[in-house]
Amino acid sequence: MTLYAYRYDFPDFGQISISADDDALTYISLSGQIFPKVKEKETPLILRAAEQLAEYFSGSRKSFSLPLNPCGTVFQKKVWQSLQDIPYGEMRSYKDIALAIGNPKACRAVGMANNRNPLAIIIPCHRVIGANGKLVGYAGGIALKQKLLMLEHQATPSSFSPF
């Protein structure tokens, strides 16, 4: 199976590369990195993902409608599915996610699954915060996590906010 990737510059959010196979998105690099042995090509699916990301960054898109195929363990995929259930503009703690997947003692494992999320932003791991309400860990850095949460918070103000 051939993997494709293409790099885009998003004003205010930096360079992001989007990877896909013939059927689904497989990886998003918040640093714009394209891995060796991946064919650099803008496919229709990758372009559609870039368009949806641009709409999200502009505040006009609240959810993504793209085929996803993240590579991970059964546990990680369960966590990532749960992350997709967090509504736009809302946040959950690692404990909330552990409870949602039926494993209340798995807070640290949930954190590790978040850390391994291959489809950042589209699978919204940025919506997961510490139990104390603090912003913790994000592959793109805390500043990007805060920027993403602020974008969503401004579009849908809520009473639960770390700002």
N, C-alpha and C. Protein backbone atom coordinates (compact mmCIF):
# COMPACT_ATOMS: atom_id res chain seq x y z
N MET A 1 0.84 -1.18 0.00
CA MET A 1 0.00 0.00 0.00
C MET A 1 0.89 1.25 0.00
N THR A 2 0.57 2.19 -0.85
CA THR A 2 1.35 3.41 -0.95
C THR A 2 0.83 4.45 0.03
N LEU A 3 1.76 5.12 0.69
CA LEU A 3 1.42 6.24 1.57
C LEU A 3 1.81 7.53 0.88
N TYR A 4 0.94 8.53 0.99
CA TYR A 4 1.16 9.83 0.40
C TYR A 4 1.17 10.88 1.50
N ALA A 5 1.86 11.98 1.27
CA ALA A 5 1.86 13.09 2.22
C ALA A 5 2.04 14.39 1.46
N TYR A 6 1.48 15.44 2.03
CA TYR A 6 1.64 16.76 1.44
C TYR A 6 1.66 17.79 2.57
N ARG A 7 2.46 18.81 2.36
CA ARG A 7 2.69 19.83 3.40
C ARG A 7 1.95 21.12 3.04
N TYR A 8 1.35 21.72 4.08
CA TYR A 8 0.60 22.97 3.91
C TYR A 8 1.04 23.97 4.97
N ASP A 9 0.98 25.24 4.61
CA ASP A 9 1.20 26.31 5.57
C ASP A 9 -0.15 26.91 5.94
N PHE A 10 -0.45 26.87 7.24
CA PHE A 10 -1.69 27.44 7.73
C PHE A 10 -1.34 28.70 8.54
N PRO A 11 -1.79 29.87 8.07
CA PRO A 11 -1.49 31.09 8.82
C PRO A 11 -1.90 30.95 10.29
N ASP A 12 -1.05 31.38 11.15
CA ASP A 12 -1.25 31.32 12.62
C ASP A 12 -1.11 29.92 13.22
N PHE A 13 -1.03 28.88 12.38
CA PHE A 13 -0.93 27.53 12.93
C PHE A 13 0.29 26.78 12.41
N GLY A 14 1.00 27.36 11.47
CA GLY A 14 2.25 26.79 11.02
C GLY A 14 2.12 25.76 9.92
N GLN A 15 3.22 25.07 9.73
CA GLN A 15 3.32 24.07 8.67
C GLN A 15 2.83 22.72 9.20
N ILE A 16 1.92 22.11 8.47
CA ILE A 16 1.34 20.81 8.86
C ILE A 16 1.39 19.91 7.64
N SER A 17 1.84 18.66 7.84
CA SER A 17 1.77 17.70 6.74
C SER A 17 0.67 16.69 7.05
N ILE A 18 0.01 16.29 5.98
CA ILE A 18 -1.11 15.36 6.08
C ILE A 18 -0.74 14.13 5.27
N SER A 19 -0.88 12.96 5.89
CA SER A 19 -0.55 11.70 5.22
C SER A 19 -1.80 10.83 5.09
N ALA A 20 -1.84 10.06 4.01
CA ALA A 20 -2.97 9.17 3.78
C ALA A 20 -2.53 8.01 2.91
N ASP A 21 -3.30 6.93 3.01
CA ASP A 21 -3.14 5.85 2.05
C ASP A 21 -4.21 6.08 0.98
N ASP A 22 -4.55 5.07 0.22
CA ASP A 22 -5.54 5.26 -0.85
C ASP A 22 -6.95 5.48 -0.32
N ASP A 23 -7.19 5.09 0.95
CA ASP A 23 -8.56 5.10 1.46
C ASP A 23 -8.82 6.04 2.63
N ALA A 24 -7.78 6.39 3.41
CA ALA A 24 -8.03 7.12 4.65
C ALA A 24 -6.80 7.90 5.10
N LEU A 25 -7.04 8.88 5.97
CA LEU A 25 -5.93 9.61 6.57
C LEU A 25 -5.23 8.71 7.56
N THR A 26 -3.91 8.82 7.61
CA THR A 26 -3.13 7.97 8.50
C THR A 26 -2.30 8.76 9.52
N TYR A 27 -1.92 10.00 9.16
CA TYR A 27 -1.02 10.74 10.05
C TYR A 27 -1.07 12.23 9.74
N ILE A 28 -0.98 13.01 10.79
CA ILE A 28 -0.82 14.46 10.66
C ILE A 28 0.40 14.86 11.46
N SER A 29 1.31 15.57 10.82
CA SER A 29 2.51 16.06 11.50
C SER A 29 2.36 17.55 11.75
N LEU A 30 2.34 17.94 13.01
CA LEU A 30 2.21 19.34 13.37
C LEU A 30 3.50 20.11 13.12
N SER A 31 4.56 19.40 12.81
CA SER A 31 5.84 20.06 12.49
C SER A 31 6.05 20.15 10.98
N GLY A 32 5.14 19.57 10.21
CA GLY A 32 5.28 19.59 8.76
C GLY A 32 6.19 18.50 8.22
N GLN A 33 6.66 17.62 9.08
CA GLN A 33 7.58 16.56 8.67
C GLN A 33 6.89 15.57 7.74
N ILE A 34 7.61 15.14 6.72
CA ILE A 34 7.16 14.06 5.85
C ILE A 34 8.18 12.94 5.99
N PHE A 35 7.71 11.75 6.32
CA PHE A 35 8.59 10.63 6.58
C PHE A 35 9.21 10.08 5.31
N PRO A 36 10.41 9.50 5.43
CA PRO A 36 11.02 8.83 4.28
C PRO A 36 10.10 7.69 3.80
N LYS A 37 10.21 7.34 2.56
CA LYS A 37 9.43 6.27 1.93
C LYS A 37 7.94 6.62 1.77
N VAL A 38 7.60 7.88 2.02
CA VAL A 38 6.24 8.35 1.78
C VAL A 38 6.29 9.21 0.52
N LYS A 39 5.41 8.95 -0.40
CA LYS A 39 5.40 9.69 -1.66
C LYS A 39 4.78 11.07 -1.42
N GLU A 40 5.55 12.11 -1.73
CA GLU A 40 5.05 13.48 -1.55
C GLU A 40 4.12 13.81 -2.71
N LYS A 41 2.82 13.80 -2.42
CA LYS A 41 1.81 14.04 -3.45
C LYS A 41 0.52 14.51 -2.79
N GLU A 42 -0.09 15.51 -3.40
CA GLU A 42 -1.38 16.00 -2.91
C GLU A 42 -2.48 15.19 -3.57
N THR A 43 -3.05 14.26 -2.83
CA THR A 43 -4.15 13.44 -3.34
C THR A 43 -5.47 14.17 -3.07
N PRO A 44 -6.55 13.77 -3.72
CA PRO A 44 -7.85 14.40 -3.44
C PRO A 44 -8.24 14.31 -1.96
N LEU A 45 -7.95 13.18 -1.31
CA LEU A 45 -8.28 13.03 0.11
C LEU A 45 -7.43 13.98 0.96
N ILE A 46 -6.16 14.08 0.68
CA ILE A 46 -5.28 14.97 1.44
C ILE A 46 -5.73 16.42 1.24
N LEU A 47 -6.08 16.79 0.03
CA LEU A 47 -6.57 18.14 -0.23
C LEU A 47 -7.86 18.40 0.54
N ARG A 48 -8.77 17.43 0.55
CA ARG A 48 -10.03 17.58 1.31
C ARG A 48 -9.74 17.77 2.79
N ALA A 49 -8.77 17.03 3.32
CA ALA A 49 -8.39 17.19 4.73
C ALA A 49 -7.83 18.58 4.98
N ALA A 50 -6.99 19.07 4.07
CA ALA A 50 -6.41 20.42 4.22
C ALA A 50 -7.51 21.48 4.18
N GLU A 51 -8.47 21.30 3.30
CA GLU A 51 -9.58 22.25 3.22
C GLU A 51 -10.39 22.25 4.52
N GLN A 52 -10.64 21.06 5.07
CA GLN A 52 -11.39 20.98 6.32
C GLN A 52 -10.59 21.56 7.48
N LEU A 53 -9.27 21.35 7.49
CA LEU A 53 -8.44 21.98 8.53
C LEU A 53 -8.49 23.50 8.41
N ALA A 54 -8.41 24.03 7.19
CA ALA A 54 -8.49 25.48 6.98
C ALA A 54 -9.83 26.02 7.47
N GLU A 55 -10.91 25.29 7.22
CA GLU A 55 -12.23 25.70 7.70
C GLU A 55 -12.27 25.67 9.23
N TYR A 56 -11.68 24.64 9.82
CA TYR A 56 -11.60 24.55 11.29
C TYR A 56 -10.82 25.74 11.85
N PHE A 57 -9.66 26.03 11.27
CA PHE A 57 -8.83 27.13 11.76
C PHE A 57 -9.53 28.47 11.60
N SER A 58 -10.41 28.60 10.61
CA SER A 58 -11.14 29.86 10.41
C SER A 58 -12.35 29.96 11.34
N GLY A 59 -12.67 28.87 12.03
CA GLY A 59 -13.82 28.86 12.94
C GLY A 59 -15.13 28.46 12.28
N SER A 60 -15.09 28.09 11.00
CA SER A 60 -16.34 27.74 10.31
C SER A 60 -16.64 26.24 10.32
N ARG A 61 -15.71 25.41 10.80
CA ARG A 61 -15.93 23.96 10.88
C ARG A 61 -15.75 23.51 12.32
N LYS A 62 -16.73 22.73 12.80
CA LYS A 62 -16.67 22.23 14.17
C LYS A 62 -16.40 20.74 14.26
N SER A 63 -16.54 20.04 13.14
CA SER A 63 -16.23 18.61 13.13
C SER A 63 -15.69 18.24 11.75
N PHE A 64 -15.02 17.11 11.70
CA PHE A 64 -14.40 16.66 10.45
C PHE A 64 -15.17 15.48 9.90
N SER A 65 -15.26 15.41 8.59
CA SER A 65 -15.91 14.26 7.94
C SER A 65 -14.91 13.68 6.94
N LEU A 66 -14.02 12.90 7.49
CA LEU A 66 -12.94 12.31 6.70
C LEU A 66 -12.76 10.85 7.11
N PRO A 67 -12.40 9.98 6.19
CA PRO A 67 -12.09 8.60 6.58
C PRO A 67 -10.74 8.56 7.30
N LEU A 68 -10.71 7.88 8.44
CA LEU A 68 -9.51 7.82 9.27
C LEU A 68 -9.04 6.38 9.42
N ASN A 69 -7.73 6.20 9.42
CA ASN A 69 -7.14 4.88 9.66
C ASN A 69 -5.88 5.06 10.49
N PRO A 70 -6.06 5.46 11.77
CA PRO A 70 -4.88 5.62 12.62
C PRO A 70 -4.30 4.27 13.01
N CYS A 71 -3.00 4.15 12.98
CA CYS A 71 -2.33 2.91 13.36
C CYS A 71 -2.10 2.93 14.87
N GLY A 72 -2.60 1.92 15.56
CA GLY A 72 -2.41 1.84 17.00
C GLY A 72 -2.96 0.55 17.56
N THR A 73 -2.81 0.40 18.87
CA THR A 73 -3.33 -0.78 19.56
C THR A 73 -4.84 -0.68 19.71
N VAL A 74 -5.46 -1.76 20.10
CA VAL A 74 -6.90 -1.77 20.36
C VAL A 74 -7.23 -0.73 21.43
N PHE A 75 -6.44 -0.68 22.49
CA PHE A 75 -6.67 0.29 23.57
C PHE A 75 -6.55 1.72 23.04
N GLN A 76 -5.49 2.01 22.29
CA GLN A 76 -5.30 3.36 21.76
C GLN A 76 -6.48 3.76 20.87
N LYS A 77 -6.92 2.86 20.03
CA LYS A 77 -8.04 3.17 19.14
C LYS A 77 -9.32 3.43 19.93
N LYS A 78 -9.49 2.74 21.03
CA LYS A 78 -10.65 2.97 21.90
C LYS A 78 -10.58 4.38 22.49
N VAL A 79 -9.40 4.77 22.94
CA VAL A 79 -9.20 6.12 23.48
C VAL A 79 -9.45 7.15 22.38
N TRP A 80 -8.86 6.95 21.21
CA TRP A 80 -9.01 7.92 20.12
C TRP A 80 -10.46 8.06 19.68
N GLN A 81 -11.21 6.97 19.71
CA GLN A 81 -12.63 7.04 19.38
C GLN A 81 -13.36 7.88 20.42
N SER A 82 -13.01 7.69 21.69
CA SER A 82 -13.62 8.47 22.76
C SER A 82 -13.30 9.96 22.62
N LEU A 83 -12.09 10.28 22.18
CA LEU A 83 -11.72 11.68 21.98
C LEU A 83 -12.61 12.33 20.92
N GLN A 84 -12.99 11.56 19.92
CA GLN A 84 -13.84 12.10 18.85
C GLN A 84 -15.26 12.38 19.34
N ASP A 85 -15.60 11.86 20.51
CA ASP A 85 -16.92 12.11 21.10
C ASP A 85 -16.95 13.39 21.94
N ILE A 86 -15.79 14.01 22.17
CA ILE A 86 -15.76 15.26 22.94
C ILE A 86 -16.28 16.37 22.03
N PRO A 87 -17.37 17.02 22.42
CA PRO A 87 -17.92 18.07 21.55
C PRO A 87 -16.96 19.24 21.37
N TYR A 88 -17.04 19.86 20.23
CA TYR A 88 -16.29 21.07 19.91
C TYR A 88 -16.50 22.09 21.03
N GLY A 89 -15.42 22.70 21.47
CA GLY A 89 -15.51 23.73 22.49
C GLY A 89 -15.57 23.22 23.91
N GLU A 90 -15.55 21.90 24.08
CA GLU A 90 -15.57 21.32 25.43
C GLU A 90 -14.25 20.62 25.70
N MET A 91 -13.99 20.37 26.98
CA MET A 91 -12.77 19.69 27.38
C MET A 91 -13.11 18.57 28.34
N ARG A 92 -12.23 17.60 28.40
CA ARG A 92 -12.36 16.49 29.32
C ARG A 92 -11.00 16.25 29.96
N SER A 93 -11.02 15.61 31.12
CA SER A 93 -9.77 15.23 31.77
C SER A 93 -9.39 13.82 31.33
N TYR A 94 -8.16 13.45 31.62
CA TYR A 94 -7.72 12.08 31.31
C TYR A 94 -8.60 11.08 32.06
N LYS A 95 -8.98 11.43 33.27
CA LYS A 95 -9.86 10.55 34.06
C LYS A 95 -11.23 10.42 33.39
N ASP A 96 -11.75 11.52 32.87
CA ASP A 96 -13.03 11.46 32.16
C ASP A 96 -12.96 10.47 31.00
N ILE A 97 -11.86 10.50 30.27
CA ILE A 97 -11.71 9.59 29.13
C ILE A 97 -11.58 8.15 29.62
N ALA A 98 -10.80 7.95 30.68
CA ALA A 98 -10.67 6.61 31.25
C ALA A 98 -12.04 6.05 31.67
N LEU A 99 -12.85 6.89 32.29
CA LEU A 99 -14.20 6.46 32.67
C LEU A 99 -15.05 6.17 31.44
N ALA A 100 -14.93 7.02 30.42
CA ALA A 100 -15.73 6.85 29.20
C ALA A 100 -15.43 5.54 28.48
N ILE A 101 -14.20 5.07 28.58
CA ILE A 101 -13.85 3.81 27.91
C ILE A 101 -14.01 2.61 28.84
N GLY A 102 -14.54 2.86 30.05
CA GLY A 102 -14.82 1.77 30.98
C GLY A 102 -13.61 1.24 31.72
N ASN A 103 -12.58 2.07 31.87
CA ASN A 103 -11.36 1.65 32.55
C ASN A 103 -10.89 2.78 33.47
N PRO A 104 -11.59 2.99 34.60
CA PRO A 104 -11.35 4.17 35.44
C PRO A 104 -9.93 4.32 36.00
N LYS A 105 -9.16 3.25 36.02
CA LYS A 105 -7.80 3.34 36.55
C LYS A 105 -6.75 3.57 35.46
N ALA A 106 -7.20 3.79 34.24
CA ALA A 106 -6.28 3.88 33.11
C ALA A 106 -5.89 5.32 32.73
N CYS A 107 -5.93 6.23 33.69
CA CYS A 107 -5.64 7.65 33.37
C CYS A 107 -4.28 7.83 32.70
N ARG A 108 -3.25 7.18 33.23
CA ARG A 108 -1.91 7.32 32.63
C ARG A 108 -1.85 6.68 31.25
N ALA A 109 -2.50 5.54 31.09
CA ALA A 109 -2.53 4.88 29.78
C ALA A 109 -3.29 5.74 28.77
N VAL A 110 -4.33 6.41 29.23
CA VAL A 110 -5.06 7.34 28.36
C VAL A 110 -4.12 8.47 27.93
N GLY A 111 -3.33 8.97 28.87
CA GLY A 111 -2.35 10.01 28.55
C GLY A 111 -1.35 9.54 27.51
N MET A 112 -0.89 8.30 27.63
CA MET A 112 0.06 7.76 26.64
C MET A 112 -0.61 7.57 25.28
N ALA A 113 -1.87 7.15 25.27
CA ALA A 113 -2.59 7.01 24.00
C ALA A 113 -2.76 8.38 23.35
N ASN A 114 -3.06 9.38 24.16
CA ASN A 114 -3.15 10.75 23.64
C ASN A 114 -1.83 11.16 23.00
N ASN A 115 -0.74 10.86 23.69
CA ASN A 115 0.59 11.20 23.22
C ASN A 115 0.91 10.53 21.89
N ARG A 116 0.32 9.39 21.63
CA ARG A 116 0.59 8.62 20.41
C ARG A 116 -0.44 8.88 19.30
N ASN A 117 -1.36 9.79 19.54
CA ASN A 117 -2.41 10.09 18.56
C ASN A 117 -1.79 10.52 17.23
N PRO A 118 -1.96 9.73 16.18
CA PRO A 118 -1.34 10.08 14.90
C PRO A 118 -2.12 11.10 14.08
N LEU A 119 -3.32 11.45 14.52
CA LEU A 119 -4.16 12.38 13.75
C LEU A 119 -4.59 13.57 14.60
N ALA A 120 -3.58 14.26 15.14
CA ALA A 120 -3.83 15.42 15.99
C ALA A 120 -4.76 16.41 15.29
N ILE A 121 -5.52 17.09 16.05
CA ILE A 121 -6.54 18.07 15.66
C ILE A 121 -7.79 17.35 15.16
N ILE A 122 -7.64 16.48 14.16
CA ILE A 122 -8.81 15.76 13.64
C ILE A 122 -9.34 14.79 14.70
N ILE A 123 -8.45 14.07 15.37
CA ILE A 123 -8.82 13.34 16.59
C ILE A 123 -8.38 14.30 17.70
N PRO A 124 -9.33 14.98 18.33
CA PRO A 124 -9.03 16.16 19.15
C PRO A 124 -8.43 15.89 20.53
N CYS A 125 -7.20 15.41 20.56
CA CYS A 125 -6.53 15.18 21.84
C CYS A 125 -6.23 16.51 22.55
N HIS A 126 -6.27 17.62 21.83
CA HIS A 126 -6.04 18.92 22.46
C HIS A 126 -7.16 19.28 23.44
N ARG A 127 -8.29 18.60 23.37
CA ARG A 127 -9.43 18.86 24.27
C ARG A 127 -9.29 18.15 25.60
N VAL A 128 -8.20 17.42 25.79
CA VAL A 128 -7.98 16.70 27.05
C VAL A 128 -6.99 17.49 27.90
N ILE A 129 -7.41 17.76 29.13
CA ILE A 129 -6.61 18.57 30.05
C ILE A 129 -6.42 17.81 31.36
N GLY A 130 -5.55 18.33 32.21
CA GLY A 130 -5.31 17.72 33.51
C GLY A 130 -6.54 17.81 34.40
N ALA A 131 -6.62 16.93 35.39
CA ALA A 131 -7.76 16.91 36.31
C ALA A 131 -7.90 18.23 37.05
N ASN A 132 -6.79 18.94 37.22
CA ASN A 132 -6.82 20.22 37.94
C ASN A 132 -7.19 21.38 37.01
N GLY A 133 -7.53 21.08 35.76
CA GLY A 133 -7.92 22.11 34.81
C GLY A 133 -6.76 22.73 34.05
N LYS A 134 -5.54 22.26 34.31
CA LYS A 134 -4.36 22.83 33.66
C LYS A 134 -4.13 22.17 32.30
N LEU A 135 -3.53 22.94 31.41
CA LEU A 135 -3.15 22.40 30.11
C LEU A 135 -1.87 21.60 30.31
N VAL A 136 -1.91 20.37 29.91
CA VAL A 136 -0.73 19.50 30.03
C VAL A 136 -0.50 18.79 28.72
N GLY A 137 0.76 18.54 28.41
CA GLY A 137 1.20 17.77 27.26
C GLY A 137 0.44 17.94 25.97
N TYR A 138 1.18 18.18 24.89
CA TYR A 138 0.61 18.20 23.55
C TYR A 138 1.75 18.09 22.57
N ALA A 139 1.59 17.22 21.57
CA ALA A 139 2.67 16.99 20.60
C ALA A 139 3.11 18.28 19.91
N GLY A 140 2.18 19.18 19.67
CA GLY A 140 2.51 20.44 19.01
C GLY A 140 2.94 21.52 19.97
N GLY A 141 3.02 21.18 21.26
CA GLY A 141 3.40 22.15 22.28
C GLY A 141 2.18 22.77 22.95
N ILE A 142 2.38 23.19 24.19
CA ILE A 142 1.29 23.77 24.98
C ILE A 142 0.74 25.04 24.32
N ALA A 143 1.60 25.83 23.69
CA ALA A 143 1.12 27.07 23.06
C ALA A 143 0.12 26.76 21.94
N LEU A 144 0.39 25.72 21.14
CA LEU A 144 -0.56 25.34 20.09
C LEU A 144 -1.84 24.78 20.69
N LYS A 145 -1.71 23.98 21.74
CA LYS A 145 -2.89 23.44 22.41
C LYS A 145 -3.77 24.58 22.91
N GLN A 146 -3.16 25.56 23.52
CA GLN A 146 -3.91 26.71 24.04
C GLN A 146 -4.57 27.47 22.89
N LYS A 147 -3.87 27.63 21.78
CA LYS A 147 -4.41 28.34 20.62
C LYS A 147 -5.64 27.60 20.07
N LEU A 148 -5.55 26.27 19.99
CA LEU A 148 -6.68 25.48 19.50
C LEU A 148 -7.88 25.57 20.44
N LEU A 149 -7.60 25.48 21.74
CA LEU A 149 -8.69 25.59 22.72
C LEU A 149 -9.31 26.98 22.71
N MET A 150 -8.49 28.00 22.55
CA MET A 150 -9.01 29.38 22.47
C MET A 150 -9.88 29.54 21.23
N LEU A 151 -9.45 28.99 20.12
CA LEU A 151 -10.23 29.05 18.89
C LEU A 151 -11.62 28.46 19.13
N GLU A 152 -11.67 27.28 19.75
CA GLU A 152 -12.95 26.63 20.01
C GLU A 152 -13.74 27.36 21.08
N HIS A 153 -13.06 27.86 22.09
CA HIS A 153 -13.73 28.55 23.18
C HIS A 153 -14.39 29.84 22.68
N GLN A 154 -13.72 30.55 21.80
CA GLN A 154 -14.28 31.79 21.26
C GLN A 154 -15.51 31.52 20.40
N ALA A 155 -15.51 30.39 19.71
CA ALA A 155 -16.64 30.03 18.87
C ALA A 155 -17.82 29.51 19.68
N THR A 156 -17.54 28.88 20.82
CA THR A 156 -18.58 28.33 21.69
C THR A 156 -18.21 28.56 23.14
N PRO A 157 -18.41 29.76 23.67
CA PRO A 157 -18.06 30.02 25.07
C PRO A 157 -18.79 29.05 25.99
N SER A 158 -18.08 28.55 26.98
CA SER A 158 -18.69 27.65 27.96
C SER A 158 -18.23 28.05 29.34
N SER A 159 -18.85 27.45 30.33
CA SER A 159 -18.46 27.77 31.71
C SER A 159 -17.20 27.04 32.13
N PHE A 160 -16.79 26.00 31.42
CA PHE A 160 -15.60 25.22 31.76
C PHE A 160 -14.46 25.69 30.87
N SER A 161 -13.57 26.49 31.44
CA SER A 161 -12.51 27.06 30.62
C SER A 161 -11.24 27.23 31.43
N PRO A 162 -10.09 26.87 30.87
CA PRO A 162 -8.83 27.09 31.56
C PRO A 162 -8.27 28.49 31.30
N PHE A 163 -9.06 29.38 30.69
CA PHE A 163 -8.56 30.69 30.31
C PHE A 163 -9.09 31.76 31.24
